[in-house]
């Protein structure tokens, strides 16, 4: 994939999407990446295929989505709708199967890239298109890698790694839960020191940092989608002190909550003007 030239275009990103049926597809876009994070059953060429989680599909334009939940709960997934450039189409076609389930070998890495893309989409910057193009290309590379983490002879490493992945997913899905180290270590039946070491080794951040990031992501969504006051957002995201919330938000997001909300409002107005034009 060449780094310059025509850029891939992103129209829609939705994280932690929950739906009983197929996810919606914008009519104007050619492709859609759906990253399933819950058990799912696909019907392909008249046969059913069952998967636990961490499955991705690159849907081409017009291809019918045919899947259902395996456990009766709504399907949980992350979605990116996009129009690839000519070079991206060539790369994807040569490396990644279309309209077929792909067992993701780097689910945490893809989840992190998608979170950054979602945040970037809400910002106003001349570099957004380039950022989105490069991010999607990193995801394409991850989809080419289907290897699972190395395990020891007993398989304990694989089991431990999957438990950590599940824990991290739960943190981002339910940031207001009690994610104290004491409770987590008791559940995993491991010591605090060992837990902190393996968590950082797996994700290059501490568990506490992920809890903070998950709550700030929740706050960012509220600032973008509601007219709640900054204080109300802070309380809703588990902060007792509004001033502490504001300091932490700026430290992690680079702007104050008010500045972030104004950026989102400006972007929304620009998108409305674009559609009118």
C-alpha atoms as a PDB file:
ATOM      1  CA  UNK A   1       0.000   0.000   0.000  1.00  0.00           C
ATOM      2  CA  UNK A   2       1.399   3.351  -0.956  1.00  0.00           C
ATOM      3  CA  UNK A   3       1.247   6.032   1.681  1.00  0.00           C
ATOM      4  CA  UNK A   4       0.506   8.966  -0.616  1.00  0.00           C
ATOM      5  CA  UNK A   5      -2.050   9.602  -3.361  1.00  0.00           C
ATOM      6  CA  UNK A   6      -5.792   9.096  -3.118  1.00  0.00           C
ATOM      7  CA  UNK A   7      -7.188   8.870   0.396  1.00  0.00           C
ATOM      8  CA  UNK A   8      -9.682   6.407   1.797  1.00  0.00           C
ATOM      9  CA  UNK A   9     -12.913   8.106   2.916  1.00  0.00           C
ATOM     10  CA  UNK A  10     -14.686   7.339   6.203  1.00  0.00           C
ATOM     11  CA  UNK A  11     -18.415   8.076   6.535  1.00  0.00           C
ATOM     12  CA  UNK A  12     -19.407   6.451   9.805  1.00  0.00           C
ATOM     13  CA  UNK A  13     -17.843   4.841  12.866  1.00  0.00           C
ATOM     14  CA  UNK A  14     -19.878   3.290  15.671  1.00  0.00           C
ATOM     15  CA  UNK A  15     -18.329   1.507  18.667  1.00  0.00           C
ATOM     16  CA  UNK A  16     -20.047  -0.939  21.015  1.00  0.00           C
ATOM     17  CA  UNK A  17     -23.057  -1.070  18.700  1.00  0.00           C
ATOM     18  CA  UNK A  18     -25.783  -3.439  19.897  1.00  0.00           C
ATOM     19  CA  UNK A  19     -28.500  -4.651  17.579  1.00  0.00           C
ATOM     20  CA  UNK A  20     -30.741  -7.695  17.209  1.00  0.00           C
ATOM     21  CA  UNK A  21     -30.566  -7.679  13.381  1.00  0.00           C
ATOM     22  CA  UNK A  22     -28.071  -6.637  10.722  1.00  0.00           C
ATOM     23  CA  UNK A  23     -26.260  -3.325  11.187  1.00  0.00           C
ATOM     24  CA  UNK A  24     -27.373  -0.412   8.979  1.00  0.00           C
ATOM     25  CA  UNK A  25     -25.377   0.443   5.873  1.00  0.00           C
ATOM     26  CA  UNK A  26     -25.167   3.900   4.277  1.00  0.00           C
ATOM     27  CA  UNK A  27     -26.255   3.639   0.645  1.00  0.00           C
ATOM     28  CA  UNK A  28     -23.412   5.814  -0.635  1.00  0.00           C
ATOM     29  CA  UNK A  29     -20.524   3.742   0.717  1.00  0.00           C
ATOM     30  CA  UNK A  30     -18.857   0.803  -0.977  1.00  0.00           C
ATOM     31  CA  UNK A  31     -17.505  -1.170   1.963  1.00  0.00           C
ATOM     32  CA  UNK A  32     -18.228  -1.793   5.640  1.00  0.00           C
ATOM     33  CA  UNK A  33     -15.970  -3.358   8.250  1.00  0.00           C
ATOM     34  CA  UNK A  34     -17.892  -5.025  11.095  1.00  0.00           C
ATOM     35  CA  UNK A  35     -15.845  -6.222  14.065  1.00  0.00           C
ATOM     36  CA  UNK A  36     -18.011  -8.598  16.116  1.00  0.00           C
ATOM     37  CA  UNK A  37     -17.258  -8.706  19.839  1.00  0.00           C
ATOM     38  CA  UNK A  38     -19.955 -11.170  20.918  1.00  0.00           C
ATOM     39  CA  UNK A  39     -20.851 -14.751  19.901  1.00  0.00           C
ATOM     40  CA  UNK A  40     -22.330 -14.783  16.406  1.00  0.00           C
ATOM     41  CA  UNK A  41     -23.612 -17.257  13.812  1.00  0.00           C
ATOM     42  CA  UNK A  42     -23.231 -16.555  10.085  1.00  0.00           C
ATOM     43  CA  UNK A  43     -25.197 -18.133   7.257  1.00  0.00           C
ATOM     44  CA  UNK A  44     -22.892 -18.409   4.255  1.00  0.00           C
ATOM     45  CA  UNK A  45     -23.683 -20.287   1.036  1.00  0.00           C
ATOM     46  CA  UNK A  46     -26.539 -22.125   2.714  1.00  0.00           C
ATOM     47  CA  UNK A  47     -24.556 -23.303   5.749  1.00  0.00           C
ATOM     48  CA  UNK A  48     -24.239 -21.935   9.274  1.00  0.00           C
ATOM     49  CA  UNK A  49     -20.866 -21.128  10.863  1.00  0.00           C
ATOM     50  CA  UNK A  50     -20.583 -20.463  14.615  1.00  0.00           C
ATOM     51  CA  UNK A  51     -18.003 -18.188  16.268  1.00  0.00           C
ATOM     52  CA  UNK A  52     -17.405 -17.007  19.827  1.00  0.00           C
ATOM     53  CA  UNK A  53     -16.146 -13.429  19.326  1.00  0.00           C
ATOM     54  CA  UNK A  54     -13.395 -11.280  17.778  1.00  0.00           C
ATOM     55  CA  UNK A  55     -14.586 -11.955  14.241  1.00  0.00           C
ATOM     56  CA  UNK A  56     -14.401  -9.364  11.468  1.00  0.00           C
ATOM     57  CA  UNK A  57     -16.072  -9.167   8.069  1.00  0.00           C
ATOM     58  CA  UNK A  58     -15.309  -6.794   5.208  1.00  0.00           C
ATOM     59  CA  UNK A  59     -18.647  -6.394   3.446  1.00  0.00           C
ATOM     60  CA  UNK A  60     -18.598  -5.217  -0.151  1.00  0.00           C
ATOM     61  CA  UNK A  61     -21.265  -2.891  -1.521  1.00  0.00           C
ATOM     62  CA  UNK A  62     -24.636  -4.580  -1.826  1.00  0.00           C
ATOM     63  CA  UNK A  63     -23.649  -7.850  -0.159  1.00  0.00           C
ATOM     64  CA  UNK A  64     -26.427  -9.095   2.104  1.00  0.00           C
ATOM     65  CA  UNK A  65     -25.579  -9.419   5.784  1.00  0.00           C
ATOM     66  CA  UNK A  66     -26.865 -12.702   7.175  1.00  0.00           C
ATOM     67  CA  UNK A  67     -26.013 -13.387  10.804  1.00  0.00           C
ATOM     68  CA  UNK A  68     -27.580 -13.747  14.223  1.00  0.00           C
ATOM     69  CA  UNK A  69     -26.601 -13.872  17.871  1.00  0.00           C
ATOM     70  CA  UNK A  70     -25.504 -17.219  19.300  1.00  0.00           C
ATOM     71  CA  UNK A  71     -26.674 -16.517  22.845  1.00  0.00           C
ATOM     72  CA  UNK A  72     -29.975 -14.696  22.311  1.00  0.00           C
ATOM     73  CA  UNK A  73     -28.491 -11.336  23.313  1.00  0.00           C
ATOM     74  CA  UNK A  74     -28.144  -8.436  20.824  1.00  0.00           C
ATOM     75  CA  UNK A  75     -25.058  -8.732  18.649  1.00  0.00           C
ATOM     76  CA  UNK A  76     -22.288  -6.412  19.882  1.00  0.00           C
ATOM     77  CA  UNK A  77     -19.923  -4.990  17.299  1.00  0.00           C
ATOM     78  CA  UNK A  78     -17.824  -2.056  16.075  1.00  0.00           C
ATOM     79  CA  UNK A  79     -18.610  -0.668  12.618  1.00  0.00           C
ATOM     80  CA  UNK A  80     -16.701   1.400  10.061  1.00  0.00           C
ATOM     81  CA  UNK A  81     -18.303   2.426   6.764  1.00  0.00           C
ATOM     82  CA  UNK A  82     -15.796   3.617   4.184  1.00  0.00           C
ATOM     83  CA  UNK A  83     -14.952   4.096   0.522  1.00  0.00           C
ATOM     84  CA  UNK A  84     -11.498   2.678  -0.252  1.00  0.00           C
ATOM     85  CA  UNK A  85      -9.050   4.235  -2.672  1.00  0.00           C
ATOM     86  CA  UNK A  86      -7.977   2.288  -5.769  1.00  0.00           C
ATOM     87  CA  UNK A  87      -4.724   1.193  -4.087  1.00  0.00           C
ATOM     88  CA  UNK A  88      -6.594   0.040  -0.978  1.00  0.00           C
ATOM     89  CA  UNK A  89      -9.013  -2.000  -3.090  1.00  0.00           C
ATOM     90  CA  UNK A  90      -6.082  -3.698  -4.761  1.00  0.00           C
ATOM     91  CA  UNK A  91      -4.385  -4.462  -1.433  1.00  0.00           C
ATOM     92  CA  UNK A  92      -7.543  -5.718   0.265  1.00  0.00           C
ATOM     93  CA  UNK A  93      -8.471  -7.897  -2.685  1.00  0.00           C
ATOM     94  CA  UNK A  94      -5.053  -9.549  -2.688  1.00  0.00           C
ATOM     95  CA  UNK A  95      -4.706 -10.042   1.085  1.00  0.00           C
ATOM     96  CA  UNK A  96      -8.121 -10.148   2.784  1.00  0.00           C
ATOM     97  CA  UNK A  97     -11.222 -12.196   1.851  1.00  0.00           C
ATOM     98  CA  UNK A  98     -14.403 -10.202   1.237  1.00  0.00           C
ATOM     99  CA  UNK A  99     -17.773 -11.057   2.790  1.00  0.00           C
ATOM    100  CA  UNK A 100     -16.316 -13.921   4.863  1.00  0.00           C
ATOM    101  CA  UNK A 101     -15.663 -14.210   8.625  1.00  0.00           C
ATOM    102  CA  UNK A 102     -12.057 -13.479   9.582  1.00  0.00           C
ATOM    103  CA  UNK A 103     -10.732 -14.641  12.958  1.00  0.00           C
ATOM    104  CA  UNK A 104      -8.951 -11.565  14.282  1.00  0.00           C
ATOM    105  CA  UNK A 105      -5.479 -12.239  15.639  1.00  0.00           C
ATOM    106  CA  UNK A 106      -4.992  -8.737  17.123  1.00  0.00           C
ATOM    107  CA  UNK A 107      -8.391  -7.767  18.613  1.00  0.00           C
ATOM    108  CA  UNK A 108      -6.994  -5.388  21.225  1.00  0.00           C
ATOM    109  CA  UNK A 109      -4.890  -3.538  18.666  1.00  0.00           C
ATOM    110  CA  UNK A 110      -7.848  -3.137  16.302  1.00  0.00           C
ATOM    111  CA  UNK A 111     -10.074  -1.978  19.174  1.00  0.00           C
ATOM    112  CA  UNK A 112      -7.500   0.675  20.126  1.00  0.00           C
ATOM    113  CA  UNK A 113      -7.220   1.920  16.536  1.00  0.00           C
ATOM    114  CA  UNK A 114     -11.005   2.186  16.252  1.00  0.00           C
ATOM    115  CA  UNK A 115     -11.254   4.151  19.518  1.00  0.00           C
ATOM    116  CA  UNK A 116      -8.685   6.652  18.237  1.00  0.00           C
ATOM    117  CA  UNK A 117     -10.505   6.912  14.898  1.00  0.00           C
ATOM    118  CA  UNK A 118     -13.827   7.598  16.633  1.00  0.00           C
ATOM    119  CA  UNK A 119     -12.240  10.335  18.734  1.00  0.00           C
ATOM    120  CA  UNK A 120     -10.491  11.835  15.707  1.00  0.00           C
ATOM    121  CA  UNK A 121     -13.730  11.901  13.718  1.00  0.00           C
ATOM    122  CA  UNK A 122     -15.153  14.293  16.297  1.00  0.00           C
ATOM    123  CA  UNK A 123     -12.222  16.698  15.916  1.00  0.00           C
ATOM    124  CA  UNK A 124     -11.693  19.421  13.304  1.00  0.00           C
ATOM    125  CA  UNK A 125      -8.279  19.127  11.648  1.00  0.00           C
ATOM    126  CA  UNK A 126      -6.819  19.350   8.156  1.00  0.00           C
ATOM    127  CA  UNK A 127      -5.072  16.028   8.843  1.00  0.00           C
ATOM    128  CA  UNK A 128      -8.225  14.014   9.643  1.00  0.00           C
ATOM    129  CA  UNK A 129      -8.495  12.339   6.241  1.00  0.00           C
ATOM    130  CA  UNK A 130      -4.868  11.266   6.291  1.00  0.00           C
ATOM    131  CA  UNK A 131      -5.190  10.026   9.875  1.00  0.00           C
ATOM    132  CA  UNK A 132      -8.256   7.934   8.961  1.00  0.00           C
ATOM    133  CA  UNK A 133      -6.590   6.498   5.858  1.00  0.00           C
ATOM    134  CA  UNK A 134      -3.481   5.406   7.735  1.00  0.00           C
ATOM    135  CA  UNK A 135      -5.562   4.025  10.609  1.00  0.00           C
ATOM    136  CA  UNK A 136      -7.667   1.881   8.277  1.00  0.00           C
ATOM    137  CA  UNK A 137      -4.532   0.615   6.579  1.00  0.00           C
ATOM    138  CA  UNK A 138      -3.202  -0.467   9.969  1.00  0.00           C
ATOM    139  CA  UNK A 139      -6.460  -2.359  10.522  1.00  0.00           C
ATOM    140  CA  UNK A 140      -6.064  -4.045   7.123  1.00  0.00           C
ATOM    141  CA  UNK A 141      -2.590  -5.192   8.180  1.00  0.00           C
ATOM    142  CA  UNK A 142      -4.009  -6.584  11.444  1.00  0.00           C
ATOM    143  CA  UNK A 143      -6.670  -8.483   9.474  1.00  0.00           C
ATOM    144  CA  UNK A 144      -3.898 -10.117   7.453  1.00  0.00           C
ATOM    145  CA  UNK A 145      -2.398 -11.474  10.682  1.00  0.00           C
ATOM    146  CA  UNK A 146      -4.488 -14.374  11.934  1.00  0.00           C
ATOM    147  CA  UNK A 147      -1.967 -15.777  14.402  1.00  0.00           C
ATOM    148  CA  UNK A 148      -3.043 -16.093  18.035  1.00  0.00           C
ATOM    149  CA  UNK A 149      -0.765 -15.190  20.973  1.00  0.00           C
ATOM    150  CA  UNK A 150       1.951 -17.729  21.673  1.00  0.00           C
ATOM    151  CA  UNK A 151       1.059 -20.218  24.391  1.00  0.00           C
ATOM    152  CA  UNK A 152       2.987 -22.515  26.610  1.00  0.00           C
ATOM    153  CA  UNK A 153       2.508 -26.280  26.528  1.00  0.00           C
ATOM    154  CA  UNK A 154      -0.433 -26.146  28.944  1.00  0.00           C
ATOM    155  CA  UNK A 155      -2.294 -23.380  27.126  1.00  0.00           C
ATOM    156  CA  UNK A 156      -2.339 -21.239  30.285  1.00  0.00           C
ATOM    157  CA  UNK A 157      -0.897 -18.236  28.423  1.00  0.00           C
ATOM    158  CA  UNK A 158      -3.713 -18.241  25.855  1.00  0.00           C
ATOM    159  CA  UNK A 159      -6.360 -18.535  28.579  1.00  0.00           C
ATOM    160  CA  UNK A 160      -4.807 -15.743  30.634  1.00  0.00           C
ATOM    161  CA  UNK A 161      -4.500 -13.477  27.599  1.00  0.00           C
ATOM    162  CA  UNK A 162      -8.120 -14.021  26.603  1.00  0.00           C
ATOM    163  CA  UNK A 163      -9.258 -13.249  30.163  1.00  0.00           C
ATOM    164  CA  UNK A 164      -7.344  -9.968  30.041  1.00  0.00           C
ATOM    165  CA  UNK A 165      -8.881  -9.094  26.669  1.00  0.00           C
ATOM    166  CA  UNK A 166     -12.349  -9.818  28.055  1.00  0.00           C
ATOM    167  CA  UNK A 167     -11.593  -7.729  31.156  1.00  0.00           C
ATOM    168  CA  UNK A 168     -10.499  -4.780  29.033  1.00  0.00           C
ATOM    169  CA  UNK A 169     -13.593  -5.041  26.841  1.00  0.00           C
ATOM    170  CA  UNK A 170     -15.777  -5.084  29.963  1.00  0.00           C
ATOM    171  CA  UNK A 171     -14.041  -1.971  31.303  1.00  0.00           C
ATOM    172  CA  UNK A 172     -14.816  -0.003  28.120  1.00  0.00           C
ATOM    173  CA  UNK A 173     -18.366  -1.381  27.956  1.00  0.00           C
ATOM    174  CA  UNK A 174     -19.126  -0.625  31.625  1.00  0.00           C
ATOM    175  CA  UNK A 175     -16.711   2.098  32.814  1.00  0.00           C
ATOM    176  CA  UNK A 176     -18.748   2.929  35.934  1.00  0.00           C
ATOM    177  CA  UNK A 177     -18.415  -0.537  37.454  1.00  0.00           C
ATOM    178  CA  UNK A 178     -16.135  -1.101  40.441  1.00  0.00           C
ATOM    179  CA  UNK A 179     -12.838  -1.861  38.684  1.00  0.00           C
ATOM    180  CA  UNK A 180     -10.680  -1.859  41.802  1.00  0.00           C
ATOM    181  CA  UNK A 181      -7.532  -3.964  41.639  1.00  0.00           C
ATOM    182  CA  UNK A 182      -8.667  -5.838  44.738  1.00  0.00           C
ATOM    183  CA  UNK A 183     -11.920  -6.968  43.114  1.00  0.00           C
ATOM    184  CA  UNK A 184     -10.261  -7.873  39.804  1.00  0.00           C
ATOM    185  CA  UNK A 185      -7.435  -9.824  41.447  1.00  0.00           C
ATOM    186  CA  UNK A 186      -9.914 -11.697  43.610  1.00  0.00           C
ATOM    187  CA  UNK A 187     -11.893 -12.662  40.505  1.00  0.00           C
ATOM    188  CA  UNK A 188      -8.792 -13.775  38.594  1.00  0.00           C
ATOM    189  CA  UNK A 189      -7.269 -15.384  41.705  1.00  0.00           C
ATOM    190  CA  UNK A 190      -3.894 -13.698  41.222  1.00  0.00           C
ATOM    191  CA  UNK A 191      -1.814 -11.235  43.254  1.00  0.00           C
ATOM    192  CA  UNK A 192      -1.911  -7.466  42.727  1.00  0.00           C
ATOM    193  CA  UNK A 193       1.717  -7.320  41.634  1.00  0.00           C
ATOM    194  CA  UNK A 194       1.303 -10.103  39.096  1.00  0.00           C
ATOM    195  CA  UNK A 195      -1.922  -8.604  37.728  1.00  0.00           C
ATOM    196  CA  UNK A 196      -0.384  -5.167  37.177  1.00  0.00           C
ATOM    197  CA  UNK A 197       2.639  -6.746  35.473  1.00  0.00           C
ATOM    198  CA  UNK A 198       0.711  -8.927  33.001  1.00  0.00           C
ATOM    199  CA  UNK A 199      -1.874  -6.214  32.229  1.00  0.00           C
ATOM    200  CA  UNK A 200       0.810  -3.701  31.350  1.00  0.00           C
ATOM    201  CA  UNK A 201       2.713  -6.310  29.351  1.00  0.00           C
ATOM    202  CA  UNK A 202      -0.431  -7.123  27.348  1.00  0.00           C
ATOM    203  CA  UNK A 203      -1.658  -3.572  26.600  1.00  0.00           C
ATOM    204  CA  UNK A 204       1.228  -1.208  27.405  1.00  0.00           C
ATOM    205  CA  UNK A 205      -1.029   0.741  29.795  1.00  0.00           C
ATOM    206  CA  UNK A 206      -2.133   0.112  33.365  1.00  0.00           C
ATOM    207  CA  UNK A 207      -5.622  -1.085  34.212  1.00  0.00           C
ATOM    208  CA  UNK A 208      -6.229   2.197  36.036  1.00  0.00           C
ATOM    209  CA  UNK A 209      -5.314   4.147  32.904  1.00  0.00           C
ATOM    210  CA  UNK A 210      -7.835   2.125  30.908  1.00  0.00           C
ATOM    211  CA  UNK A 211     -10.573   2.790  33.477  1.00  0.00           C
ATOM    212  CA  UNK A 212      -9.871   6.534  33.262  1.00  0.00           C
ATOM    213  CA  UNK A 213      -9.813   6.440  29.451  1.00  0.00           C
ATOM    214  CA  UNK A 214     -13.093   4.483  29.359  1.00  0.00           C
ATOM    215  CA  UNK A 215     -14.812   7.037  31.607  1.00  0.00           C
ATOM    216  CA  UNK A 216     -13.442   9.943  29.593  1.00  0.00           C
ATOM    217  CA  UNK A 217     -14.646   8.305  26.375  1.00  0.00           C
ATOM    218  CA  UNK A 218     -18.096   8.077  27.958  1.00  0.00           C
ATOM    219  CA  UNK A 219     -17.810  11.749  28.908  1.00  0.00           C
ATOM    220  CA  UNK A 220     -16.745  12.696  25.372  1.00  0.00           C
ATOM    221  CA  UNK A 221     -19.807  10.952  23.943  1.00  0.00           C
ATOM    222  CA  UNK A 222     -22.078  12.795  26.392  1.00  0.00           C
ATOM    223  CA  UNK A 223     -20.493  16.142  25.546  1.00  0.00           C
ATOM    224  CA  UNK A 224     -20.993  15.489  21.842  1.00  0.00           C
ATOM    225  CA  UNK A 225     -24.508  14.049  21.984  1.00  0.00           C
ATOM    226  CA  UNK A 226     -26.252  15.863  24.852  1.00  0.00           C
ATOM    227  CA  UNK A 227     -26.652  19.371  26.290  1.00  0.00           C
ATOM    228  CA  UNK A 228     -25.901  18.232  29.842  1.00  0.00           C
ATOM    229  CA  UNK A 229     -23.837  20.655  31.911  1.00  0.00           C
ATOM    230  CA  UNK A 230     -20.161  19.898  32.469  1.00  0.00           C
ATOM    231  CA  UNK A 231     -20.896  19.199  36.128  1.00  0.00           C
ATOM    232  CA  UNK A 232     -23.691  16.756  35.261  1.00  0.00           C
ATOM    233  CA  UNK A 233     -21.426  14.959  32.791  1.00  0.00           C
ATOM    234  CA  UNK A 234     -18.719  14.695  35.431  1.00  0.00           C
ATOM    235  CA  UNK A 235     -21.113  13.152  37.968  1.00  0.00           C
ATOM    236  CA  UNK A 236     -22.584  10.781  35.368  1.00  0.00           C
ATOM    237  CA  UNK A 237     -19.075   9.533  34.568  1.00  0.00           C
ATOM    238  CA  UNK A 238     -18.160   8.816  38.174  1.00  0.00           C
ATOM    239  CA  UNK A 239     -16.348  12.037  39.134  1.00  0.00           C
ATOM    240  CA  UNK A 240     -17.147  13.689  42.453  1.00  0.00           C
ATOM    241  CA  UNK A 241     -15.144  16.822  41.618  1.00  0.00           C
ATOM    242  CA  UNK A 242     -15.989  18.832  38.499  1.00  0.00           C
ATOM    243  CA  UNK A 243     -12.625  20.607  38.562  1.00  0.00           C
ATOM    244  CA  UNK A 244     -10.740  17.290  38.766  1.00  0.00           C
ATOM    245  CA  UNK A 245     -12.790  15.951  35.854  1.00  0.00           C
ATOM    246  CA  UNK A 246     -11.970  19.028  33.767  1.00  0.00           C
ATOM    247  CA  UNK A 247      -8.234  18.739  34.512  1.00  0.00           C
ATOM    248  CA  UNK A 248      -8.192  15.034  33.690  1.00  0.00           C
ATOM    249  CA  UNK A 249     -10.214  15.511  30.495  1.00  0.00           C
ATOM    250  CA  UNK A 250      -7.827  18.166  29.195  1.00  0.00           C
ATOM    251  CA  UNK A 251      -4.803  16.099  30.181  1.00  0.00           C
ATOM    252  CA  UNK A 252      -6.051  13.088  28.203  1.00  0.00           C
ATOM    253  CA  UNK A 253      -7.907  14.774  25.318  1.00  0.00           C
ATOM    254  CA  UNK A 254      -5.816  17.892  24.834  1.00  0.00           C
ATOM    255  CA  UNK A 255      -8.802  20.263  25.148  1.00  0.00           C
ATOM    256  CA  UNK A 256     -11.228  21.268  27.889  1.00  0.00           C
ATOM    257  CA  UNK A 257     -14.724  19.704  27.973  1.00  0.00           C
ATOM    258  CA  UNK A 258     -16.217  22.992  26.757  1.00  0.00           C
ATOM    259  CA  UNK A 259     -13.715  23.242  23.889  1.00  0.00           C
ATOM    260  CA  UNK A 260     -14.425  19.646  22.938  1.00  0.00           C
ATOM    261  CA  UNK A 261     -18.186  20.251  22.847  1.00  0.00           C
ATOM    262  CA  UNK A 262     -17.717  23.347  20.669  1.00  0.00           C
ATOM    263  CA  UNK A 263     -15.514  21.349  18.284  1.00  0.00           C
ATOM    264  CA  UNK A 264     -18.217  18.681  17.969  1.00  0.00           C
ATOM    265  CA  UNK A 265     -20.916  21.284  17.395  1.00  0.00           C
ATOM    266  CA  UNK A 266     -18.813  22.980  14.732  1.00  0.00           C
ATOM    267  CA  UNK A 267     -18.211  19.693  12.966  1.00  0.00           C
ATOM    268  CA  UNK A 268     -21.939  18.878  13.046  1.00  0.00           C
ATOM    269  CA  UNK A 269     -22.785  22.259  11.509  1.00  0.00           C
ATOM    270  CA  UNK A 270     -20.150  21.790   8.803  1.00  0.00           C
ATOM    271  CA  UNK A 271     -21.585  18.380   7.947  1.00  0.00           C
ATOM    272  CA  UNK A 272     -25.109  19.863   7.713  1.00  0.00           C
ATOM    273  CA  UNK A 273     -23.846  22.633   5.402  1.00  0.00           C
ATOM    274  CA  UNK A 274     -22.059  20.017   3.281  1.00  0.00           C
ATOM    275  CA  UNK A 275     -25.265  18.044   2.802  1.00  0.00           C
ATOM    276  CA  UNK A 276     -27.227  21.184   1.905  1.00  0.00           C
ATOM    277  CA  UNK A 277     -24.566  22.106  -0.635  1.00  0.00           C
END
